[in-house]
PDB file of N, CA and C in Angstrom:
ATOM      1  N   MET A   1       6.936  -9.837   1.523  1.00  0.00           N
ATOM      2  CA  MET A   1       5.592 -10.018   1.026  1.00  0.00           C
ATOM      3  C   MET A   1       5.306  -8.977  -0.046  1.00  0.00           C
ATOM      4  N   LYS A   2       4.431  -9.317  -0.940  1.00  0.00           N
ATOM      5  CA  LYS A   2       4.093  -8.465  -2.078  1.00  0.00           C
ATOM      6  C   LYS A   2       2.661  -7.951  -1.929  1.00  0.00           C
ATOM      7  N   ALA A   3       2.452  -6.684  -2.249  1.00  0.00           N
ATOM      8  CA  ALA A   3       1.106  -6.113  -2.255  1.00  0.00           C
ATOM      9  C   ALA A   3       0.404  -6.523  -3.548  1.00  0.00           C
ATOM     10  N   THR A   4      -0.864  -6.904  -3.415  1.00  0.00           N
ATOM     11  CA  THR A   4      -1.663  -7.282  -4.578  1.00  0.00           C
ATOM     12  C   THR A   4      -2.959  -6.483  -4.583  1.00  0.00           C
ATOM     13  N   LYS A   5      -3.611  -6.445  -5.721  1.00  0.00           N
ATOM     14  CA  LYS A   5      -4.838  -5.657  -5.865  1.00  0.00           C
ATOM     15  C   LYS A   5      -5.956  -6.131  -4.948  1.00  0.00           C
ATOM     16  N   ASP A   6      -5.905  -7.389  -4.524  1.00  0.00           N
ATOM     17  CA  ASP A   6      -6.958  -7.960  -3.691  1.00  0.00           C
ATOM     18  C   ASP A   6      -6.732  -7.759  -2.198  1.00  0.00           C
ATOM     19  N   MET A   7      -5.621  -7.163  -1.821  1.00  0.00           N
ATOM     20  CA  MET A   7      -5.331  -6.928  -0.401  1.00  0.00           C
ATOM     21  C   MET A   7      -6.101  -5.709   0.088  1.00  0.00           C
ATOM     22  N   PHE A   8      -6.527  -5.776   1.351  1.00  0.00           N
ATOM     23  CA  PHE A   8      -7.159  -4.612   1.962  1.00  0.00           C
ATOM     24  C   PHE A   8      -6.099  -3.557   2.249  1.00  0.00           C
ATOM     25  N   VAL A   9      -6.494  -2.303   2.148  1.00  0.00           N
ATOM     26  CA  VAL A   9      -5.584  -1.194   2.428  1.00  0.00           C
ATOM     27  C   VAL A   9      -4.965  -1.374   3.812  1.00  0.00           C
ATOM     28  N   ALA A  10      -5.780  -1.700   4.807  1.00  0.00           N
ATOM     29  CA  ALA A  10      -5.286  -1.862   6.178  1.00  0.00           C
ATOM     30  C   ALA A  10      -4.256  -2.981   6.282  1.00  0.00           C
ATOM     31  N   ASP A  11      -4.403  -4.030   5.495  1.00  0.00           N
ATOM     32  CA  ASP A  11      -3.442  -5.137   5.545  1.00  0.00           C
ATOM     33  C   ASP A  11      -2.070  -4.697   5.045  1.00  0.00           C
ATOM     34  N   VAL A  12      -2.053  -3.856   4.021  1.00  0.00           N
ATOM     35  CA  VAL A  12      -0.772  -3.341   3.519  1.00  0.00           C
ATOM     36  C   VAL A  12      -0.142  -2.445   4.577  1.00  0.00           C
ATOM     37  N   LEU A  13      -0.942  -1.599   5.204  1.00  0.00           N
ATOM     38  CA  LEU A  13      -0.428  -0.729   6.265  1.00  0.00           C
ATOM     39  C   LEU A  13       0.127  -1.547   7.422  1.00  0.00           C
ATOM     40  N   ASN A  14      -0.533  -2.632   7.751  1.00  0.00           N
ATOM     41  CA  ASN A  14      -0.064  -3.485   8.848  1.00  0.00           C
ATOM     42  C   ASN A  14       1.214  -4.231   8.488  1.00  0.00           C
ATOM     43  N   MET A  15       1.429  -4.488   7.198  1.00  0.00           N
ATOM     44  CA  MET A  15       2.672  -5.144   6.766  1.00  0.00           C
ATOM     45  C   MET A  15       3.861  -4.241   7.052  1.00  0.00           C
ATOM     46  N   ASP A  16       3.688  -2.943   6.753  1.00  0.00           N
ATOM     47  CA  ASP A  16       4.801  -1.999   6.925  1.00  0.00           C
ATOM     48  C   ASP A  16       4.241  -0.585   6.921  1.00  0.00           C
ATOM     49  N   ARG A  17       4.363   0.088   8.053  1.00  0.00           N
ATOM     50  CA  ARG A  17       3.860   1.464   8.177  1.00  0.00           C
ATOM     51  C   ARG A  17       4.618   2.432   7.264  1.00  0.00           C
ATOM     52  N   GLY A  18       5.758   2.011   6.764  1.00  0.00           N
ATOM     53  CA  GLY A  18       6.511   2.837   5.837  1.00  0.00           C
ATOM     54  C   GLY A  18       5.794   3.052   4.515  1.00  0.00           C
ATOM     55  N   THR A  19       4.698   2.323   4.300  1.00  0.00           N
ATOM     56  CA  THR A  19       3.922   2.498   3.072  1.00  0.00           C
ATOM     57  C   THR A  19       3.022   3.733   3.128  1.00  0.00           C
ATOM     58  N   ILE A  20       2.858   4.319   4.307  1.00  0.00           N
ATOM     59  CA  ILE A  20       1.957   5.471   4.458  1.00  0.00           C
ATOM     60  C   ILE A  20       2.285   6.597   3.478  1.00  0.00           C
ATOM     61  N   PRO A  21       3.548   7.040   3.381  1.00  0.00           N
ATOM     62  CA  PRO A  21       3.835   8.122   2.428  1.00  0.00           C
ATOM     63  C   PRO A  21       3.503   7.764   0.978  1.00  0.00           C
ATOM     64  N   ILE A  22       3.579   6.490   0.637  1.00  0.00           N
ATOM     65  CA  ILE A  22       3.242   6.064  -0.729  1.00  0.00           C
ATOM     66  C   ILE A  22       1.748   6.251  -0.968  1.00  0.00           C
ATOM     67  N   PHE A  23       0.941   5.829  -0.003  1.00  0.00           N
ATOM     68  CA  PHE A  23      -0.502   6.043  -0.130  1.00  0.00           C
ATOM     69  C   PHE A  23      -0.811   7.536  -0.243  1.00  0.00           C
ATOM     70  N   PHE A  24      -0.166   8.351   0.589  1.00  0.00           N
ATOM     71  CA  PHE A  24      -0.389   9.800   0.545  1.00  0.00           C
ATOM     72  C   PHE A  24      -0.031  10.372  -0.823  1.00  0.00           C
ATOM     73  N   ARG A  25       1.119   9.963  -1.364  1.00  0.00           N
ATOM     74  CA  ARG A  25       1.547  10.464  -2.680  1.00  0.00           C
ATOM     75  C   ARG A  25       0.542  10.130  -3.774  1.00  0.00           C
ATOM     76  N   HIS A  26      -0.139   9.016  -3.602  1.00  0.00           N
ATOM     77  CA  HIS A  26      -1.113   8.588  -4.610  1.00  0.00           C
ATOM     78  C   HIS A  26      -2.510   9.152  -4.361  1.00  0.00           C
ATOM     79  N   GLY A  27      -2.672   9.930  -3.301  1.00  0.00           N
ATOM     80  CA  GLY A  27      -3.964  10.561  -3.042  1.00  0.00           C
ATOM     81  C   GLY A  27      -4.876   9.799  -2.111  1.00  0.00           C
ATOM     82  N   LEU A  28      -4.364   8.777  -1.445  1.00  0.00           N
ATOM     83  CA  LEU A  28      -5.155   8.038  -0.458  1.00  0.00           C
ATOM     84  C   LEU A  28      -4.761   8.553   0.927  1.00  0.00           C
ATOM     85  N   HIS A  29      -5.590   9.454   1.454  1.00  0.00           N
ATOM     86  CA  HIS A  29      -5.252  10.128   2.703  1.00  0.00           C
ATOM     87  C   HIS A  29      -6.033   9.610   3.905  1.00  0.00           C
ATOM     88  N   CYS A  30      -7.113   8.915   3.691  1.00  0.00           N
ATOM     89  CA  CYS A  30      -7.970   8.474   4.797  1.00  0.00           C
ATOM     90  C   CYS A  30      -7.622   7.033   5.180  1.00  0.00           C
ATOM     91  N   LEU A  31      -6.398   6.836   5.610  1.00  0.00           N
ATOM     92  CA  LEU A  31      -5.917   5.479   5.881  1.00  0.00           C
ATOM     93  C   LEU A  31      -6.470   4.896   7.171  1.00  0.00           C
ATOM     94  N   GLY A  32      -6.912   5.738   8.075  1.00  0.00           N
ATOM     95  CA  GLY A  32      -7.435   5.250   9.346  1.00  0.00           C
ATOM     96  C   GLY A  32      -8.939   5.059   9.353  1.00  0.00           C
ATOM     97  N   CYS A  33      -9.596   5.361   8.253  1.00  0.00           N
ATOM     98  CA  CYS A  33     -11.055   5.242   8.234  1.00  0.00           C
ATOM     99  C   CYS A  33     -11.471   3.769   8.185  1.00  0.00           C
ATOM    100  N   SER A  34     -12.717   3.541   8.511  1.00  0.00           N
ATOM    101  CA  SER A  34     -13.209   2.161   8.567  1.00  0.00           C
ATOM    102  C   SER A  34     -13.156   1.468   7.209  1.00  0.00           C
ATOM    103  N   MET A  35     -13.212   2.217   6.129  1.00  0.00           N
ATOM    104  CA  MET A  35     -13.173   1.611   4.796  1.00  0.00           C
ATOM    105  C   MET A  35     -11.838   0.927   4.511  1.00  0.00           C
ATOM    106  N   SER A  36     -10.775   1.371   5.156  1.00  0.00           N
ATOM    107  CA  SER A  36      -9.465   0.775   4.880  1.00  0.00           C
ATOM    108  C   SER A  36      -9.416  -0.696   5.277  1.00  0.00           C
ATOM    109  N   HIS A  37     -10.325  -1.100   6.169  1.00  0.00           N
ATOM    110  CA  HIS A  37     -10.355  -2.495   6.613  1.00  0.00           C
ATOM    111  C   HIS A  37     -11.216  -3.378   5.713  1.00  0.00           C
ATOM    112  N   GLY A  38     -12.023  -2.766   4.862  1.00  0.00           N
ATOM    113  CA  GLY A  38     -12.901  -3.554   4.008  1.00  0.00           C
ATOM    114  C   GLY A  38     -12.816  -3.191   2.545  1.00  0.00           C
ATOM    115  N   GLU A  39     -11.826  -2.370   2.201  1.00  0.00           N
ATOM    116  CA  GLU A  39     -11.673  -1.926   0.820  1.00  0.00           C
ATOM    117  C   GLU A  39     -10.327  -2.408   0.289  1.00  0.00           C
ATOM    118  N   THR A  40     -10.365  -3.108  -0.829  1.00  0.00           N
ATOM    119  CA  THR A  40      -9.119  -3.591  -1.423  1.00  0.00           C
ATOM    120  C   THR A  40      -8.393  -2.435  -2.105  1.00  0.00           C
ATOM    121  N   LEU A  41      -7.143  -2.670  -2.428  1.00  0.00           N
ATOM    122  CA  LEU A  41      -6.388  -1.659  -3.166  1.00  0.00           C
ATOM    123  C   LEU A  41      -7.082  -1.349  -4.488  1.00  0.00           C
ATOM    124  N   GLU A  42      -7.576  -2.384  -5.143  1.00  0.00           N
ATOM    125  CA  GLU A  42      -8.267  -2.187  -6.420  1.00  0.00           C
ATOM    126  C   GLU A  42      -9.509  -1.320  -6.240  1.00  0.00           C
ATOM    127  N   GLU A  43     -10.291  -1.598  -5.215  1.00  0.00           N
ATOM    128  CA  GLU A  43     -11.500  -0.814  -4.961  1.00  0.00           C
ATOM    129  C   GLU A  43     -11.161   0.630  -4.592  1.00  0.00           C
ATOM    130  N   ALA A  44     -10.146   0.813  -3.758  1.00  0.00           N
ATOM    131  CA  ALA A  44      -9.742   2.163  -3.350  1.00  0.00           C
ATOM    132  C   ALA A  44      -9.308   2.981  -4.559  1.00  0.00           C
ATOM    133  N   CYS A  45      -8.561   2.359  -5.449  1.00  0.00           N
ATOM    134  CA  CYS A  45      -8.112   3.070  -6.651  1.00  0.00           C
ATOM    135  C   CYS A  45      -9.289   3.408  -7.558  1.00  0.00           C
ATOM    136  N   ALA A  46     -10.248   2.507  -7.665  1.00  0.00           N
ATOM    137  CA  ALA A  46     -11.422   2.766  -8.502  1.00  0.00           C
ATOM    138  C   ALA A  46     -12.246   3.921  -7.938  1.00  0.00           C
ATOM    139  N   VAL A  47     -12.462   3.928  -6.631  1.00  0.00           N
ATOM    140  CA  VAL A  47     -13.259   4.969  -5.982  1.00  0.00           C
ATOM    141  C   VAL A  47     -12.593   6.336  -6.113  1.00  0.00           C
ATOM    142  N   HIS A  48     -11.270   6.357  -6.001  1.00  0.00           N
ATOM    143  CA  HIS A  48     -10.534   7.626  -6.014  1.00  0.00           C
ATOM    144  C   HIS A  48      -9.925   7.947  -7.385  1.00  0.00           C
ATOM    145  N   ASN A  49     -10.281   7.142  -8.392  1.00  0.00           N
ATOM    146  CA  ASN A  49      -9.792   7.341  -9.764  1.00  0.00           C
ATOM    147  C   ASN A  49      -8.261   7.411  -9.816  1.00  0.00           C
ATOM    148  N   LEU A  50      -7.623   6.411  -9.212  1.00  0.00           N
ATOM    149  CA  LEU A  50      -6.164   6.349  -9.151  1.00  0.00           C
ATOM    150  C   LEU A  50      -5.642   5.210 -10.012  1.00  0.00           C
ATOM    151  N   ASP A  51      -4.382   5.280 -10.357  1.00  0.00           N
ATOM    152  CA  ASP A  51      -3.718   4.276 -11.183  1.00  0.00           C
ATOM    153  C   ASP A  51      -3.279   3.101 -10.302  1.00  0.00           C
ATOM    154  N   LEU A  52      -4.029   2.015 -10.360  1.00  0.00           N
ATOM    155  CA  LEU A  52      -3.745   0.835  -9.543  1.00  0.00           C
ATOM    156  C   LEU A  52      -2.370   0.263  -9.838  1.00  0.00           C
ATOM    157  N   ALA A  53      -2.027   0.145 -11.106  1.00  0.00           N
ATOM    158  CA  ALA A  53      -0.737  -0.451 -11.476  1.00  0.00           C
ATOM    159  C   ALA A  53       0.423   0.349 -10.897  1.00  0.00           C
ATOM    160  N   GLN A  54       0.330   1.663 -10.943  1.00  0.00           N
ATOM    161  CA  GLN A  54       1.411   2.502 -10.417  1.00  0.00           C
ATOM    162  C   GLN A  54       1.491   2.403  -8.898  1.00  0.00           C
ATOM    163  N   LEU A  55       0.336   2.377  -8.224  1.00  0.00           N
ATOM    164  CA  LEU A  55       0.328   2.226  -6.767  1.00  0.00           C
ATOM    165  C   LEU A  55       0.972   0.906  -6.374  1.00  0.00           C
ATOM    166  N   LEU A  56       0.573  -0.178  -7.032  1.00  0.00           N
ATOM    167  CA  LEU A  56       1.147  -1.489  -6.719  1.00  0.00           C
ATOM    168  C   LEU A  56       2.646  -1.510  -6.978  1.00  0.00           C
ATOM    169  N   ASP A  57       3.061  -0.911  -8.078  1.00  0.00           N
ATOM    170  CA  ASP A  57       4.487  -0.867  -8.390  1.00  0.00           C
ATOM    171  C   ASP A  57       5.253  -0.123  -7.299  1.00  0.00           C
ATOM    172  N   ASP A  58       4.769   1.043  -6.915  1.00  0.00           N
ATOM    173  CA  ASP A  58       5.452   1.832  -5.888  1.00  0.00           C
ATOM    174  C   ASP A  58       5.478   1.106  -4.543  1.00  0.00           C
ATOM    175  N   LEU A  59       4.357   0.499  -4.169  1.00  0.00           N
ATOM    176  CA  LEU A  59       4.310  -0.249  -2.909  1.00  0.00           C
ATOM    177  C   LEU A  59       5.290  -1.415  -2.937  1.00  0.00           C
ATOM    178  N   ASN A  60       5.313  -2.154  -4.031  1.00  0.00           N
ATOM    179  CA  ASN A  60       6.162  -3.344  -4.095  1.00  0.00           C
ATOM    180  C   ASN A  60       7.642  -3.016  -4.207  1.00  0.00           C
ATOM    181  N   VAL A  61       7.978  -1.919  -4.851  1.00  0.00           N
ATOM    182  CA  VAL A  61       9.381  -1.482  -4.856  1.00  0.00           C
ATOM    183  C   VAL A  61       9.804  -1.181  -3.421  1.00  0.00           C
ATOM    184  N   TYR A  62       8.973  -0.428  -2.707  1.00  0.00           N
ATOM    185  CA  TYR A  62       9.291  -0.101  -1.316  1.00  0.00           C
ATOM    186  C   TYR A  62       9.391  -1.369  -0.464  1.00  0.00           C
ATOM    187  N   LEU A  63       8.402  -2.249  -0.560  1.00  0.00           N
ATOM    188  CA  LEU A  63       8.386  -3.456   0.273  1.00  0.00           C
ATOM    189  C   LEU A  63       9.582  -4.359  -0.015  1.00  0.00           C
ATOM    190  N   THR A  64       9.980  -4.459  -1.267  1.00  0.00           N
ATOM    191  CA  THR A  64      11.150  -5.258  -1.633  1.00  0.00           C
ATOM    192  C   THR A  64      12.413  -4.663  -1.033  1.00  0.00           C
ATOM    193  N   GLU A  65      12.556  -3.346  -1.147  1.00  0.00           N
ATOM    194  CA  GLU A  65      13.740  -2.680  -0.591  1.00  0.00           C
ATOM    195  C   GLU A  65      13.768  -2.781   0.931  1.00  0.00           C
ATOM    196  N   ALA A  66      12.625  -2.606   1.573  1.00  0.00           N
ATOM    197  CA  ALA A  66      12.556  -2.689   3.030  1.00  0.00           C
ATOM    198  C   ALA A  66      12.886  -4.097   3.508  1.00  0.00           C
ATOM    199  N   SER A  67      12.425  -5.096   2.778  1.00  0.00           N
ATOM    200  CA  SER A  67      12.710  -6.486   3.128  1.00  0.00           C
ATOM    201  C   SER A  67      14.193  -6.788   2.986  1.00  0.00           C
ATOM    202  N   ALA A  68      14.800  -6.296   1.914  1.00  0.00           N
ATOM    203  CA  ALA A  68      16.234  -6.517   1.692  1.00  0.00           C
ATOM    204  C   ALA A  68      17.058  -5.845   2.784  1.00  0.00           C
ATOM    205  N   GLU A  69      16.659  -4.640   3.186  1.00  0.00           N
ATOM    206  CA  GLU A  69      17.370  -3.937   4.251  1.00  0.00           C
ATOM    207  C   GLU A  69      17.243  -4.679   5.574  1.00  0.00           C
ATOM    208  N   ALA A  70      16.067  -5.231   5.841  1.00  0.00           N
ATOM    209  CA  ALA A  70      15.854  -5.972   7.083  1.00  0.00           C
ATOM    210  C   ALA A  70      16.715  -7.231   7.117  1.00  0.00           C
ATOM    211  N   GLU A  71      16.864  -7.874   5.963  1.00  0.00           N
ATOM    212  CA  GLU A  71      17.666  -9.097   5.896  1.00  0.00           C
ATOM    213  C   GLU A  71      19.151  -8.823   6.077  1.00  0.00           C
ATOM    214  N   THR A  72      19.609  -7.687   5.559  1.00  0.00           N
ATOM    215  CA  THR A  72      21.037  -7.373   5.663  1.00  0.00           C
ATOM    216  C   THR A  72      21.360  -6.595   6.928  1.00  0.00           C
ATOM    217  N   GLY A  73      20.313  -6.125   7.604  1.00  0.00           N
ATOM    218  CA  GLY A  73      20.532  -5.394   8.844  1.00  0.00           C
ATOM    219  C   GLY A  73      20.972  -3.968   8.648  1.00  0.00           C
ATOM    220  N   SER A  74      20.792  -3.413   7.431  1.00  0.00           N
ATOM    221  CA  SER A  74      21.206  -2.028   7.199  1.00  0.00           C
ATOM    222  C   SER A  74      20.121  -1.062   7.552  1.00  0.00           C
TER     223      SER A  74
END
């Protein structure tokens, strides 16, 4: 699955907890707060003045690699 700007932060976390360090690197540290369930990636980046395109790129690179590893069993 691919992360998109319209996805809620919590939905991305539920897809793969391995995304947590990516959020941290980008300055999103309050992943357990209630806003994560009602705030899209786009909204979170706007509120925290973060680069949405870079966050999406980093998340999707990770998710693609994790999916490939799961398929090959490595």
